[in-house]
C-alpha atoms as a PDB file:
ATOM      1  CA  UNK A   1       9.848  -7.152  21.282  1.00  0.00           C
ATOM      2  CA  UNK A   2      12.246  -8.838  18.857  1.00  0.00           C
ATOM      3  CA  UNK A   3      13.703  -5.480  17.805  1.00  0.00           C
ATOM      4  CA  UNK A   4      14.295  -4.558  21.454  1.00  0.00           C
ATOM      5  CA  UNK A   5      16.253  -7.792  21.985  1.00  0.00           C
ATOM      6  CA  UNK A   6      18.372  -7.094  18.905  1.00  0.00           C
ATOM      7  CA  UNK A   7      19.040  -3.529  20.045  1.00  0.00           C
ATOM      8  CA  UNK A   8      20.024  -4.813  23.512  1.00  0.00           C
ATOM      9  CA  UNK A   9      22.382  -7.376  21.975  1.00  0.00           C
ATOM     10  CA  UNK A  10      24.007  -4.705  19.792  1.00  0.00           C
ATOM     11  CA  UNK A  11      24.384  -2.429  22.845  1.00  0.00           C
ATOM     12  CA  UNK A  12      26.006  -5.252  24.820  1.00  0.00           C
ATOM     13  CA  UNK A  13      28.497  -5.963  22.028  1.00  0.00           C
ATOM     14  CA  UNK A  14      29.201  -2.232  21.722  1.00  0.00           C
ATOM     15  CA  UNK A  15      29.920  -1.926  25.451  1.00  0.00           C
ATOM     16  CA  UNK A  16      32.332  -4.875  25.392  1.00  0.00           C
ATOM     17  CA  UNK A  17      34.007  -3.648  22.198  1.00  0.00           C
ATOM     18  CA  UNK A  18      34.516  -0.165  23.667  1.00  0.00           C
ATOM     19  CA  UNK A  19      36.024  -1.669  26.823  1.00  0.00           C
ATOM     20  CA  UNK A  20      38.386  -4.025  24.969  1.00  0.00           C
ATOM     21  CA  UNK A  21      39.590  -1.470  22.410  1.00  0.00           C
ATOM     22  CA  UNK A  22      39.969   1.396  24.906  1.00  0.00           C
ATOM     23  CA  UNK A  23      41.728  -0.840  27.475  1.00  0.00           C
ATOM     24  CA  UNK A  24      44.149  -2.320  24.940  1.00  0.00           C
ATOM     25  CA  UNK A  25      44.791   1.133  23.448  1.00  0.00           C
ATOM     26  CA  UNK A  26      45.397   2.533  26.946  1.00  0.00           C
ATOM     27  CA  UNK A  27      47.903  -0.228  27.744  1.00  0.00           C
ATOM     28  CA  UNK A  28      49.748   0.352  24.473  1.00  0.00           C
ATOM     29  CA  UNK A  29      49.842   4.138  25.021  1.00  0.00           C
ATOM     30  CA  UNK A  30      51.033   3.742  28.620  1.00  0.00           C
ATOM     31  CA  UNK A  31      53.692   1.261  27.525  1.00  0.00           C
ATOM     32  CA  UNK A  32      55.137   3.857  25.161  1.00  0.00           C
ATOM     33  CA  UNK A  33      54.766   6.614  27.761  1.00  0.00           C
ATOM     34  CA  UNK A  34      56.231   4.747  30.752  1.00  0.00           C
ATOM     35  CA  UNK A  35      58.861   2.419  29.268  1.00  0.00           C
ATOM     36  CA  UNK A  36      62.558   3.268  29.296  1.00  0.00           C
ATOM     37  CA  UNK A  37      62.575   3.035  25.480  1.00  0.00           C
ATOM     38  CA  UNK A  38      59.703   5.522  25.322  1.00  0.00           C
ATOM     39  CA  UNK A  39      59.302   8.647  27.467  1.00  0.00           C
ATOM     40  CA  UNK A  40      60.179   7.079  30.866  1.00  0.00           C
ATOM     41  CA  UNK A  41      57.184   8.697  32.615  1.00  0.00           C
ATOM     42  CA  UNK A  42      57.217   6.278  35.576  1.00  0.00           C
ATOM     43  CA  UNK A  43      54.493   7.909  37.699  1.00  0.00           C
ATOM     44  CA  UNK A  44      51.621   5.436  37.399  1.00  0.00           C
ATOM     45  CA  UNK A  45      49.512   6.585  40.373  1.00  0.00           C
ATOM     46  CA  UNK A  46      49.726  10.263  39.428  1.00  0.00           C
ATOM     47  CA  UNK A  47      48.867   9.363  35.831  1.00  0.00           C
ATOM     48  CA  UNK A  48      45.744   7.585  37.131  1.00  0.00           C
ATOM     49  CA  UNK A  49      44.921  10.830  38.966  1.00  0.00           C
ATOM     50  CA  UNK A  50      45.151  12.647  35.603  1.00  0.00           C
ATOM     51  CA  UNK A  51      42.810  10.013  34.114  1.00  0.00           C
ATOM     52  CA  UNK A  52      40.131  10.612  36.738  1.00  0.00           C
ATOM     53  CA  UNK A  53      40.576  14.391  36.503  1.00  0.00           C
ATOM     54  CA  UNK A  54      39.744  14.329  32.784  1.00  0.00           C
ATOM     55  CA  UNK A  55      36.889  11.863  33.443  1.00  0.00           C
ATOM     56  CA  UNK A  56      35.501  14.193  36.132  1.00  0.00           C
ATOM     57  CA  UNK A  57      35.686  17.178  33.743  1.00  0.00           C
ATOM     58  CA  UNK A  58      33.818  15.213  31.059  1.00  0.00           C
ATOM     59  CA  UNK A  59      31.148  14.334  33.635  1.00  0.00           C
ATOM     60  CA  UNK A  60      30.892  17.966  34.733  1.00  0.00           C
ATOM     61  CA  UNK A  61      30.412  19.170  31.152  1.00  0.00           C
ATOM     62  CA  UNK A  62      27.862  16.407  30.534  1.00  0.00           C
ATOM     63  CA  UNK A  63      25.802  17.429  33.576  1.00  0.00           C
ATOM     64  CA  UNK A  64      26.066  21.149  32.731  1.00  0.00           C
ATOM     65  CA  UNK A  65      24.836  20.611  29.158  1.00  0.00           C
ATOM     66  CA  UNK A  66      21.970  18.381  30.294  1.00  0.00           C
ATOM     67  CA  UNK A  67      23.305  15.314  28.486  1.00  0.00           C
ATOM     68  CA  UNK A  68      23.157  13.309  31.730  1.00  0.00           C
ATOM     69  CA  UNK A  69      20.854  13.690  34.730  1.00  0.00           C
ATOM     70  CA  UNK A  70      22.411  13.780  38.176  1.00  0.00           C
ATOM     71  CA  UNK A  71      20.706  11.522  40.733  1.00  0.00           C
ATOM     72  CA  UNK A  72      21.200  11.610  44.479  1.00  0.00           C
ATOM     73  CA  UNK A  73      23.669   9.148  46.000  1.00  0.00           C
ATOM     74  CA  UNK A  74      24.633   9.618  49.686  1.00  0.00           C
ATOM     75  CA  UNK A  75      28.080  11.163  50.067  1.00  0.00           C
ATOM     76  CA  UNK A  76      29.202   8.445  52.489  1.00  0.00           C
ATOM     77  CA  UNK A  77      28.512   5.811  49.801  1.00  0.00           C
ATOM     78  CA  UNK A  78      30.616   7.776  47.297  1.00  0.00           C
ATOM     79  CA  UNK A  79      33.455   8.264  49.810  1.00  0.00           C
ATOM     80  CA  UNK A  80      33.440   4.598  50.798  1.00  0.00           C
ATOM     81  CA  UNK A  81      33.479   3.502  47.149  1.00  0.00           C
ATOM     82  CA  UNK A  82      36.298   5.949  46.293  1.00  0.00           C
ATOM     83  CA  UNK A  83      38.429   4.691  49.191  1.00  0.00           C
ATOM     84  CA  UNK A  84      37.990   1.083  48.032  1.00  0.00           C
ATOM     85  CA  UNK A  85      38.751   2.050  44.403  1.00  0.00           C
ATOM     86  CA  UNK A  86      41.915   3.962  45.413  1.00  0.00           C
ATOM     87  CA  UNK A  87      43.031   1.031  47.575  1.00  0.00           C
ATOM     88  CA  UNK A  88      42.661  -1.125  44.466  1.00  0.00           C
ATOM     89  CA  UNK A  89      44.876   1.175  42.364  1.00  0.00           C
ATOM     90  CA  UNK A  90      47.491   1.640  45.102  1.00  0.00           C
ATOM     91  CA  UNK A  91      47.515  -2.061  45.981  1.00  0.00           C
ATOM     92  CA  UNK A  92      48.008  -3.079  42.349  1.00  0.00           C
ATOM     93  CA  UNK A  93      50.935  -0.682  41.896  1.00  0.00           C
ATOM     94  CA  UNK A  94      52.596  -1.826  45.138  1.00  0.00           C
ATOM     95  CA  UNK A  95      51.979  -5.488  44.273  1.00  0.00           C
ATOM     96  CA  UNK A  96      53.668  -5.048  40.883  1.00  0.00           C
ATOM     97  CA  UNK A  97      56.654  -3.352  42.536  1.00  0.00           C
ATOM     98  CA  UNK A  98      57.147  -5.793  45.440  1.00  0.00           C
ATOM     99  CA  UNK A  99      56.325  -9.098  43.689  1.00  0.00           C
ATOM    100  CA  UNK A 100      57.582 -10.865  40.594  1.00  0.00           C
ATOM    101  CA  UNK A 101      55.557 -10.427  37.402  1.00  0.00           C
ATOM    102  CA  UNK A 102      54.488 -14.078  37.679  1.00  0.00           C
ATOM    103  CA  UNK A 103      52.963 -13.671  41.138  1.00  0.00           C
ATOM    104  CA  UNK A 104      51.373 -10.366  40.082  1.00  0.00           C
ATOM    105  CA  UNK A 105      49.620 -12.198  37.217  1.00  0.00           C
ATOM    106  CA  UNK A 106      48.496 -14.980  39.575  1.00  0.00           C
ATOM    107  CA  UNK A 107      47.014 -12.395  41.950  1.00  0.00           C
ATOM    108  CA  UNK A 108      45.075 -10.831  39.044  1.00  0.00           C
ATOM    109  CA  UNK A 109      43.783 -14.266  37.998  1.00  0.00           C
ATOM    110  CA  UNK A 110      42.617 -14.949  41.557  1.00  0.00           C
ATOM    111  CA  UNK A 111      40.113 -12.089  41.240  1.00  0.00           C
ATOM    112  CA  UNK A 112      37.627 -14.308  39.361  1.00  0.00           C
ATOM    113  CA  UNK A 113      37.167 -16.890  42.159  1.00  0.00           C
ATOM    114  CA  UNK A 114      37.344 -14.103  44.779  1.00  0.00           C
ATOM    115  CA  UNK A 115      34.531 -12.178  43.042  1.00  0.00           C
ATOM    116  CA  UNK A 116      32.485 -15.406  42.874  1.00  0.00           C
ATOM    117  CA  UNK A 117      32.951 -16.023  46.625  1.00  0.00           C
ATOM    118  CA  UNK A 118      32.214 -12.391  47.541  1.00  0.00           C
ATOM    119  CA  UNK A 119      29.029 -12.330  45.445  1.00  0.00           C
ATOM    120  CA  UNK A 120      27.948 -15.574  47.139  1.00  0.00           C
ATOM    121  CA  UNK A 121      28.607 -14.038  50.600  1.00  0.00           C
ATOM    122  CA  UNK A 122      27.136 -10.587  49.881  1.00  0.00           C
ATOM    123  CA  UNK A 123      24.295 -11.428  47.478  1.00  0.00           C
ATOM    124  CA  UNK A 124      23.801 -15.194  47.946  1.00  0.00           C
ATOM    125  CA  UNK A 125      24.550 -15.664  44.247  1.00  0.00           C
ATOM    126  CA  UNK A 126      25.157 -19.223  43.042  1.00  0.00           C
ATOM    127  CA  UNK A 127      26.812 -20.483  39.863  1.00  0.00           C
ATOM    128  CA  UNK A 128      26.128 -23.492  37.663  1.00  0.00           C
ATOM    129  CA  UNK A 129      28.666 -26.274  37.015  1.00  0.00           C
ATOM    130  CA  UNK A 130      29.127 -25.007  33.445  1.00  0.00           C
ATOM    131  CA  UNK A 131      30.045 -21.499  34.647  1.00  0.00           C
ATOM    132  CA  UNK A 132      32.502 -22.910  37.210  1.00  0.00           C
ATOM    133  CA  UNK A 133      34.108 -25.097  34.518  1.00  0.00           C
ATOM    134  CA  UNK A 134      34.463 -22.109  32.182  1.00  0.00           C
ATOM    135  CA  UNK A 135      36.077 -20.012  34.928  1.00  0.00           C
ATOM    136  CA  UNK A 136      38.626 -22.779  35.613  1.00  0.00           C
ATOM    137  CA  UNK A 137      39.466 -23.098  31.889  1.00  0.00           C
ATOM    138  CA  UNK A 138      39.956 -19.312  31.526  1.00  0.00           C
ATOM    139  CA  UNK A 139      42.146 -19.074  34.652  1.00  0.00           C
ATOM    140  CA  UNK A 140      44.343 -21.993  33.493  1.00  0.00           C
ATOM    141  CA  UNK A 141      44.603 -20.598  29.958  1.00  0.00           C
ATOM    142  CA  UNK A 142      45.570 -17.058  30.993  1.00  0.00           C
ATOM    143  CA  UNK A 143      47.891 -18.503  33.646  1.00  0.00           C
ATOM    144  CA  UNK A 144      49.717 -20.625  31.063  1.00  0.00           C
ATOM    145  CA  UNK A 145      50.311 -17.690  28.706  1.00  0.00           C
ATOM    146  CA  UNK A 146      51.233 -15.021  31.303  1.00  0.00           C
ATOM    147  CA  UNK A 147      52.740 -16.600  34.429  1.00  0.00           C
ATOM    148  CA  UNK A 148      56.505 -17.132  34.288  1.00  0.00           C
ATOM    149  CA  UNK A 149      58.664 -16.711  37.381  1.00  0.00           C
ATOM    150  CA  UNK A 150      56.815 -16.772  40.707  1.00  0.00           C
ATOM    151  CA  UNK A 151      58.531 -15.104  43.649  1.00  0.00           C
ATOM    152  CA  UNK A 152      56.696 -13.772  46.691  1.00  0.00           C
ATOM    153  CA  UNK A 153      57.477 -12.047  49.979  1.00  0.00           C
ATOM    154  CA  UNK A 154      55.335 -11.088  52.969  1.00  0.00           C
ATOM    155  CA  UNK A 155      54.961  -7.370  52.070  1.00  0.00           C
ATOM    156  CA  UNK A 156      54.190  -8.218  48.462  1.00  0.00           C
ATOM    157  CA  UNK A 157      51.676 -10.875  49.468  1.00  0.00           C
ATOM    158  CA  UNK A 158      49.835  -8.438  51.785  1.00  0.00           C
ATOM    159  CA  UNK A 159      49.707  -5.767  49.045  1.00  0.00           C
ATOM    160  CA  UNK A 160      48.460  -8.328  46.513  1.00  0.00           C
ATOM    161  CA  UNK A 161      45.760  -9.543  48.928  1.00  0.00           C
ATOM    162  CA  UNK A 162      44.592  -5.956  49.564  1.00  0.00           C
ATOM    163  CA  UNK A 163      44.590  -5.251  45.824  1.00  0.00           C
ATOM    164  CA  UNK A 164      42.579  -8.378  44.960  1.00  0.00           C
ATOM    165  CA  UNK A 165      40.001  -7.897  47.727  1.00  0.00           C
ATOM    166  CA  UNK A 166      39.525  -4.158  47.087  1.00  0.00           C
ATOM    167  CA  UNK A 167      39.333  -4.565  43.289  1.00  0.00           C
ATOM    168  CA  UNK A 168      36.788  -7.372  43.605  1.00  0.00           C
ATOM    169  CA  UNK A 169      34.706  -5.373  46.085  1.00  0.00           C
ATOM    170  CA  UNK A 170      34.890  -2.259  43.893  1.00  0.00           C
ATOM    171  CA  UNK A 171      33.630  -4.117  40.812  1.00  0.00           C
ATOM    172  CA  UNK A 172      30.767  -5.728  42.750  1.00  0.00           C
ATOM    173  CA  UNK A 173      29.884  -2.327  44.262  1.00  0.00           C
ATOM    174  CA  UNK A 174      29.610  -0.709  40.815  1.00  0.00           C
ATOM    175  CA  UNK A 175      26.711  -2.989  39.917  1.00  0.00           C
ATOM    176  CA  UNK A 176      25.162  -2.806  43.407  1.00  0.00           C
ATOM    177  CA  UNK A 177      25.143   1.010  43.523  1.00  0.00           C
ATOM    178  CA  UNK A 178      23.629   1.269  40.040  1.00  0.00           C
ATOM    179  CA  UNK A 179      20.778  -1.053  41.023  1.00  0.00           C
ATOM    180  CA  UNK A 180      20.313   0.415  44.502  1.00  0.00           C
ATOM    181  CA  UNK A 181      19.942   4.033  43.356  1.00  0.00           C
ATOM    182  CA  UNK A 182      18.676   3.374  39.789  1.00  0.00           C
ATOM    183  CA  UNK A 183      21.590   5.362  38.445  1.00  0.00           C
ATOM    184  CA  UNK A 184      23.297   4.996  35.083  1.00  0.00           C
ATOM    185  CA  UNK A 185      26.899   3.934  34.661  1.00  0.00           C
ATOM    186  CA  UNK A 186      28.121   7.339  33.439  1.00  0.00           C
ATOM    187  CA  UNK A 187      26.192   9.216  36.155  1.00  0.00           C
ATOM    188  CA  UNK A 188      27.799   7.061  38.877  1.00  0.00           C
ATOM    189  CA  UNK A 189      31.250   7.513  37.362  1.00  0.00           C
ATOM    190  CA  UNK A 190      30.799  11.299  37.166  1.00  0.00           C
ATOM    191  CA  UNK A 191      30.051  11.331  40.919  1.00  0.00           C
ATOM    192  CA  UNK A 192      32.990   9.154  42.021  1.00  0.00           C
ATOM    193  CA  UNK A 193      35.617  10.470  39.567  1.00  0.00           C
ATOM    194  CA  UNK A 194      36.130  13.922  41.245  1.00  0.00           C
ATOM    195  CA  UNK A 195      36.755  12.324  44.666  1.00  0.00           C
ATOM    196  CA  UNK A 196      39.232   9.835  43.187  1.00  0.00           C
ATOM    197  CA  UNK A 197      40.903  12.553  41.101  1.00  0.00           C
ATOM    198  CA  UNK A 198      41.553  14.870  44.063  1.00  0.00           C
ATOM    199  CA  UNK A 199      42.834  12.093  46.336  1.00  0.00           C
ATOM    200  CA  UNK A 200      45.118  10.560  43.672  1.00  0.00           C
ATOM    201  CA  UNK A 201      46.523  13.914  42.543  1.00  0.00           C
ATOM    202  CA  UNK A 202      47.423  14.699  46.188  1.00  0.00           C
ATOM    203  CA  UNK A 203      48.700  11.265  47.239  1.00  0.00           C
ATOM    204  CA  UNK A 204      49.943  10.057  43.834  1.00  0.00           C
ATOM    205  CA  UNK A 205      53.295  11.909  43.757  1.00  0.00           C
ATOM    206  CA  UNK A 206      54.129  10.656  47.278  1.00  0.00           C
ATOM    207  CA  UNK A 207      53.327   7.045  46.409  1.00  0.00           C
ATOM    208  CA  UNK A 208      55.182   7.270  43.077  1.00  0.00           C
ATOM    209  CA  UNK A 209      58.259   8.619  44.888  1.00  0.00           C
ATOM    210  CA  UNK A 210      58.098   5.611  47.224  1.00  0.00           C
ATOM    211  CA  UNK A 211      57.706   3.247  44.259  1.00  0.00           C
ATOM    212  CA  UNK A 212      60.533   4.469  42.025  1.00  0.00           C
ATOM    213  CA  UNK A 213      62.504   7.059  43.998  1.00  0.00           C
ATOM    214  CA  UNK A 214      61.697   9.840  41.527  1.00  0.00           C
ATOM    215  CA  UNK A 215      59.640  12.980  42.071  1.00  0.00           C
ATOM    216  CA  UNK A 216      57.265  14.000  39.284  1.00  0.00           C
ATOM    217  CA  UNK A 217      58.180  17.706  39.457  1.00  0.00           C
ATOM    218  CA  UNK A 218      61.736  16.815  38.427  1.00  0.00           C
ATOM    219  CA  UNK A 219      60.563  15.062  35.278  1.00  0.00           C
ATOM    220  CA  UNK A 220      61.468  16.919  32.082  1.00  0.00           C
ATOM    221  CA  UNK A 221      58.233  17.107  30.130  1.00  0.00           C
ATOM    222  CA  UNK A 222      58.500  16.958  26.329  1.00  0.00           C
ATOM    223  CA  UNK A 223      55.923  17.535  23.612  1.00  0.00           C
ATOM    224  CA  UNK A 224      55.818  13.811  22.859  1.00  0.00           C
ATOM    225  CA  UNK A 225      55.245  12.891  26.512  1.00  0.00           C
ATOM    226  CA  UNK A 226      52.499  15.538  26.790  1.00  0.00           C
ATOM    227  CA  UNK A 227      50.753  14.164  23.696  1.00  0.00           C
ATOM    228  CA  UNK A 228      50.862  10.599  25.050  1.00  0.00           C
ATOM    229  CA  UNK A 229      49.560  11.743  28.460  1.00  0.00           C
ATOM    230  CA  UNK A 230      46.603  13.418  26.715  1.00  0.00           C
ATOM    231  CA  UNK A 231      46.051  10.278  24.614  1.00  0.00           C
ATOM    232  CA  UNK A 232      46.218   8.130  27.744  1.00  0.00           C
ATOM    233  CA  UNK A 233      43.686  10.358  29.536  1.00  0.00           C
ATOM    234  CA  UNK A 234      41.302  10.318  26.560  1.00  0.00           C
ATOM    235  CA  UNK A 235      41.405   6.523  26.309  1.00  0.00           C
ATOM    236  CA  UNK A 236      40.986   6.249  30.095  1.00  0.00           C
ATOM    237  CA  UNK A 237      37.645   8.109  29.875  1.00  0.00           C
ATOM    238  CA  UNK A 238      36.299   5.493  27.453  1.00  0.00           C
ATOM    239  CA  UNK A 239      37.858   2.701  29.511  1.00  0.00           C
ATOM    240  CA  UNK A 240      36.271   3.933  32.774  1.00  0.00           C
ATOM    241  CA  UNK A 241      32.844   4.534  31.202  1.00  0.00           C
ATOM    242  CA  UNK A 242      32.818   1.125  29.490  1.00  0.00           C
ATOM    243  CA  UNK A 243      33.889  -0.639  32.707  1.00  0.00           C
ATOM    244  CA  UNK A 244      30.929   0.811  34.632  1.00  0.00           C
ATOM    245  CA  UNK A 245      28.678   0.129  31.640  1.00  0.00           C
ATOM    246  CA  UNK A 246      29.717  -3.536  31.297  1.00  0.00           C
ATOM    247  CA  UNK A 247      29.438  -4.331  35.009  1.00  0.00           C
ATOM    248  CA  UNK A 248      26.057  -2.579  35.182  1.00  0.00           C
ATOM    249  CA  UNK A 249      24.768  -4.610  32.209  1.00  0.00           C
ATOM    250  CA  UNK A 250      26.301  -7.959  33.154  1.00  0.00           C
ATOM    251  CA  UNK A 251      28.169  -8.806  36.368  1.00  0.00           C
ATOM    252  CA  UNK A 252      31.587  -8.445  37.990  1.00  0.00           C
ATOM    253  CA  UNK A 253      32.367 -12.110  37.189  1.00  0.00           C
ATOM    254  CA  UNK A 254      31.487 -11.671  33.499  1.00  0.00           C
ATOM    255  CA  UNK A 255      33.631  -8.527  33.397  1.00  0.00           C
ATOM    256  CA  UNK A 256      36.588 -10.441  34.847  1.00  0.00           C
ATOM    257  CA  UNK A 257      36.212 -13.536  32.647  1.00  0.00           C
ATOM    258  CA  UNK A 258      35.571 -11.839  29.302  1.00  0.00           C
ATOM    259  CA  UNK A 259      37.962  -9.060  30.295  1.00  0.00           C
ATOM    260  CA  UNK A 260      40.844 -11.492  29.865  1.00  0.00           C
ATOM    261  CA  UNK A 261      40.278 -11.104  26.130  1.00  0.00           C
ATOM    262  CA  UNK A 262      42.263  -7.893  26.684  1.00  0.00           C
ATOM    263  CA  UNK A 263      45.218  -9.984  27.929  1.00  0.00           C
ATOM    264  CA  UNK A 264      45.130 -12.022  24.715  1.00  0.00           C
ATOM    265  CA  UNK A 265      44.938  -8.815  22.614  1.00  0.00           C
ATOM    266  CA  UNK A 266      47.809  -7.178  24.526  1.00  0.00           C
ATOM    267  CA  UNK A 267      50.076 -10.210  24.047  1.00  0.00           C
ATOM    268  CA  UNK A 268      49.237 -10.354  20.336  1.00  0.00           C
ATOM    269  CA  UNK A 269      49.754  -6.616  19.780  1.00  0.00           C
ATOM    270  CA  UNK A 270      52.967  -6.718  21.828  1.00  0.00           C
ATOM    271  CA  UNK A 271      54.253  -9.346  19.414  1.00  0.00           C
ATOM    272  CA  UNK A 272      53.098  -7.376  16.346  1.00  0.00           C
ATOM    273  CA  UNK A 273      54.128  -3.849  17.399  1.00  0.00           C
ATOM    274  CA  UNK A 274      56.925  -4.221  19.960  1.00  0.00           C
ATOM    275  CA  UNK A 275      58.614  -7.483  18.839  1.00  0.00           C
ATOM    276  CA  UNK A 276      57.712  -9.186  22.119  1.00  0.00           C
ATOM    277  CA  UNK A 277      58.433 -12.914  22.194  1.00  0.00           C
ATOM    278  CA  UNK A 278      55.411 -15.127  21.519  1.00  0.00           C
ATOM    279  CA  UNK A 279      56.168 -18.760  22.335  1.00  0.00           C
ATOM    280  CA  UNK A 280      54.201 -21.939  21.670  1.00  0.00           C
ATOM    281  CA  UNK A 281      53.285 -21.921  25.385  1.00  0.00           C
ATOM    282  CA  UNK A 282      51.804 -18.416  25.013  1.00  0.00           C
ATOM    283  CA  UNK A 283      49.787 -19.432  21.948  1.00  0.00           C
ATOM    284  CA  UNK A 284      48.408 -22.571  23.635  1.00  0.00           C
ATOM    285  CA  UNK A 285      47.493 -20.572  26.751  1.00  0.00           C
ATOM    286  CA  UNK A 286      45.714 -17.911  24.692  1.00  0.00           C
ATOM    287  CA  UNK A 287      43.801 -20.575  22.739  1.00  0.00           C
ATOM    288  CA  UNK A 288      42.717 -22.243  25.993  1.00  0.00           C
ATOM    289  CA  UNK A 289      41.656 -18.877  27.439  1.00  0.00           C
ATOM    290  CA  UNK A 290      39.546 -18.092  24.358  1.00  0.00           C
ATOM    291  CA  UNK A 291      37.926 -21.561  24.549  1.00  0.00           C
ATOM    292  CA  UNK A 292      37.136 -20.854  28.222  1.00  0.00           C
ATOM    293  CA  UNK A 293      35.521 -17.528  27.312  1.00  0.00           C
ATOM    294  CA  UNK A 294      33.373 -19.216  24.663  1.00  0.00           C
ATOM    295  CA  UNK A 295      32.308 -21.867  27.201  1.00  0.00           C
ATOM    296  CA  UNK A 296      31.528 -19.124  29.733  1.00  0.00           C
ATOM    297  CA  UNK A 297      29.373 -17.208  27.236  1.00  0.00           C
ATOM    298  CA  UNK A 298      27.501 -20.419  26.395  1.00  0.00           C
ATOM    299  CA  UNK A 299      27.078 -21.306  30.095  1.00  0.00           C
ATOM    300  CA  UNK A 300      25.699 -17.847  30.951  1.00  0.00           C
ATOM    301  CA  UNK A 301      23.257 -18.022  28.026  1.00  0.00           C
ATOM    302  CA  UNK A 302      22.218 -21.512  29.157  1.00  0.00           C
ATOM    303  CA  UNK A 303      21.596 -20.147  32.670  1.00  0.00           C
ATOM    304  CA  UNK A 304      19.456 -17.312  31.281  1.00  0.00           C
ATOM    305  CA  UNK A 305      17.355 -19.741  29.226  1.00  0.00           C
ATOM    306  CA  UNK A 306      16.916 -22.021  32.246  1.00  0.00           C
ATOM    307  CA  UNK A 307      15.738 -19.116  34.422  1.00  0.00           C
ATOM    308  CA  UNK A 308      13.379 -17.928  31.653  1.00  0.00           C
ATOM    309  CA  UNK A 309      11.870 -21.440  31.374  1.00  0.00           C
ATOM    310  CA  UNK A 310      11.360 -21.665  35.145  1.00  0.00           C
ATOM    311  CA  UNK A 311       9.666 -18.244  35.211  1.00  0.00           C
ATOM    312  CA  UNK A 312       7.494 -19.134  32.215  1.00  0.00           C
ATOM    313  CA  UNK A 313       6.496 -22.456  33.777  1.00  0.00           C
ATOM    314  CA  UNK A 314       5.674 -20.783  37.095  1.00  0.00           C
ATOM    315  CA  UNK A 315       3.532 -18.201  35.320  1.00  0.00           C
ATOM    316  CA  UNK A 316       1.658 -20.851  33.321  1.00  0.00           C
ATOM    317  CA  UNK A 317       1.168 -23.063  36.385  1.00  0.00           C
ATOM    318  CA  UNK A 318      -0.326 -20.169  38.307  1.00  0.00           C
ATOM    319  CA  UNK A 319      -2.736 -19.377  35.496  1.00  0.00           C
ATOM    320  CA  UNK A 320      -3.821 -23.020  35.166  1.00  0.00           C
ATOM    321  CA  UNK A 321      -4.344 -23.245  38.919  1.00  0.00           C
ATOM    322  CA  UNK A 322      -6.515 -20.164  38.904  1.00  0.00           C
ATOM    323  CA  UNK A 323      -8.584 -21.566  36.026  1.00  0.00           C
ATOM    324  CA  UNK A 324      -8.932 -24.940  37.749  1.00  0.00           C
ATOM    325  CA  UNK A 325     -10.093 -23.328  40.987  1.00  0.00           C
ATOM    326  CA  UNK A 326     -12.506 -21.112  39.107  1.00  0.00           C
ATOM    327  CA  UNK A 327     -13.979 -24.065  37.215  1.00  0.00           C
ATOM    328  CA  UNK A 328     -14.157 -26.101  40.403  1.00  0.00           C
ATOM    329  CA  UNK A 329     -16.090 -23.351  42.164  1.00  0.00           C
ATOM    330  CA  UNK A 330     -18.544 -23.077  39.291  1.00  0.00           C
ATOM    331  CA  UNK A 331     -19.026 -26.846  39.103  1.00  0.00           C
ATOM    332  CA  UNK A 332     -19.531 -27.648  42.792  1.00  0.00           C
ATOM    333  CA  UNK A 333     -21.094 -24.569  44.295  1.00  0.00           C
ATOM    334  CA  UNK A 334     -24.900 -24.823  44.664  1.00  0.00           C
ATOM    335  CA  UNK A 335     -26.876 -22.346  42.632  1.00  0.00           C
ATOM    336  CA  UNK A 336     -29.064 -20.360  45.013  1.00  0.00           C
ATOM    337  CA  UNK A 337     -32.346 -18.665  44.290  1.00  0.00           C
ATOM    338  CA  UNK A 338     -31.751 -15.014  44.899  1.00  0.00           C
ATOM    339  CA  UNK A 339     -35.292 -14.273  46.025  1.00  0.00           C
ATOM    340  CA  UNK A 340     -36.001 -17.330  48.191  1.00  0.00           C
ATOM    341  CA  UNK A 341     -32.447 -17.882  49.454  1.00  0.00           C
ATOM    342  CA  UNK A 342     -32.785 -21.631  48.843  1.00  0.00           C
ATOM    343  CA  UNK A 343     -30.654 -23.968  46.860  1.00  0.00           C
ATOM    344  CA  UNK A 344     -32.092 -25.360  43.681  1.00  0.00           C
ATOM    345  CA  UNK A 345     -31.770 -29.098  43.282  1.00  0.00           C
END
């Protein structure tokens, strides 16, 4: 039993580590690929289509070789999930284009309370005071180190609202679908990835043209750009798998809260690798965010222990009650003579 707990803990740490490292690596690779100082490949939606195409191919190979077992999930569930997921990607790209970076960061931070509210509405899930406090500390910390100028307009606000709602719903749905159909994280991803890949490859170039006024077929592909696209796609596979894995093991709220560790890593690596400015305000915000994450981890563990104690107490109480009733029956019931059918005094 103890060894199983240790193995589970190691698996949990491995899932988070894979998500953090693959996500940060993906951001760094995309920064080099898409920035004007790099390869100026400014087709974010189409690139996401490439990501899901490679992910779908990996899933196909995995199913064909028998590494993963395909379980039945109704096609309408997969289509609905893919639409929500694509709305999340499109909404985020449009929000970044139409709003200031500051408001874009605020909209991303709002996902934590939105996920909490949606889980309360959809699954009647409630949170302790400690968890709420930790969420507030993380949001303030990340806000301090990332939010600068805040400018908003009606179109940008609508796109941000759609992005936040669809992303929150998508992350909650990942966990719900895994539990509902008893399907693993990779199996679910391998079913949704082909639908997302086809739709994003078709619609991506149109949306990218609207976003930056450039058509992907006019882009002059170089060997360096091709290598970074392949690197980006490879990292995206690990990023997608680990996202489904983390949400399946924990919750959408935990994924959002602890996921902000990636923001801290990106800011630090940006300072180390790309000479990005790192001010005292950034450092204080990052420190506050890390403190919030530690508090959140402690609060979640405290909640688990509290639930375990309640379950243990309920189990013990039931056993004691059964024993008491059994003893009471033996002590008070008259002992009858089997042959005569009379009670013995």
